[in-house]
Amino acid sequence: MGLQKDKKLNKLLDLLPEGVAAPSKWLAEQGFSRQLVRKYVQSGWLVPLGRGVYARPQMLLNWQGLVLGIQHFADLPYHVGGISALNLQGYAHYLPLRDNTGNNAREEYELTHLWGQGKVPAWVKTVALSRTLQFHKRQLFALLTTADGLEFVPSGVRDLQIQVSAPERAIMEVLYDVGDDEHAFTHAFELFEGLTSLRPGVVNTLLQHCRSIKVKRLFLFMADQLRYPWISRIEKNKIDLGSGKRVIAKGGKLDKQYLITVPGRFNA
């Protein structure tokens, strides 16, 4: 009996890396009953992170560990997107933490943006983290395979990888969240400035399947402003830009090509 218990425990330690959240449903699927999980908690092999979610006790759980649990153990179709994906891939590190009004811009970096579909399990919300996970359930792209514009980056935990938006997709997710104030527009433009080598093929696929007229017009406007070489390979004639004007920045100037209002300091 003791040998059997050791085998079970070894299986747990083999399957569950340190610093990764494991939902009780996944533990049950691996053959660990509620009673056995309770015993592991009592003996110190597992610690409860919230209702129905556990981890090994050796490491403090961070947001990456929760995302790994969501993607690998809960098998939820959510990826790290937007500014979080750009930051994770090194594209947002250069930006200042304060804007020119003195407002603290750090708040945006204390959020981890996850894009996807489906109901977020209750256990995810019970895990206490220093960083907030913000879930975006908007289906920004139509008729895409799950791999379009998505990549994997190392997590530093065994061979597990975190699924993230590639830069081409991430900047479009950023643009979707641009509000009507000048600072949000400027921040998105500054992020775009760092994307000097986007892949035209990926950009074309995403723009042709993007559901948001605002995103498509903003993307093309900023790309034109920055005059990166890859913009010449974008098939604008295949992109549905809709009709009519769109107010992006209140009190801004109307760009006559894309019919969006932009802050006055940009060449409209």
Foldseek 3Di string as FASTA:
>chain_A
DVVVVVVVLVVVPVVAFAQAKAFQVLVVVVPQDPVNVVVCCVVQQWPDQFPRIIGGDPDDHAPLRDLLNVCPRVVALKAFAAPLQCVVVPLQVVDDQADPVRDGNCLVVLETEIEEADDDDPRSVGGDHSGHYDYDDDPFFPPDDSPQQKDWDDPPTPRGTGIYGHPLGRLLVLQVPQAQAQVSLVSSLSSVLSPQDDDQVSNQNRQLGGPDLSSNLSVLVSCVQNVRPSNVSHPVVSGPNDDDAEERYPPADADVPSRYGHHPVGDD
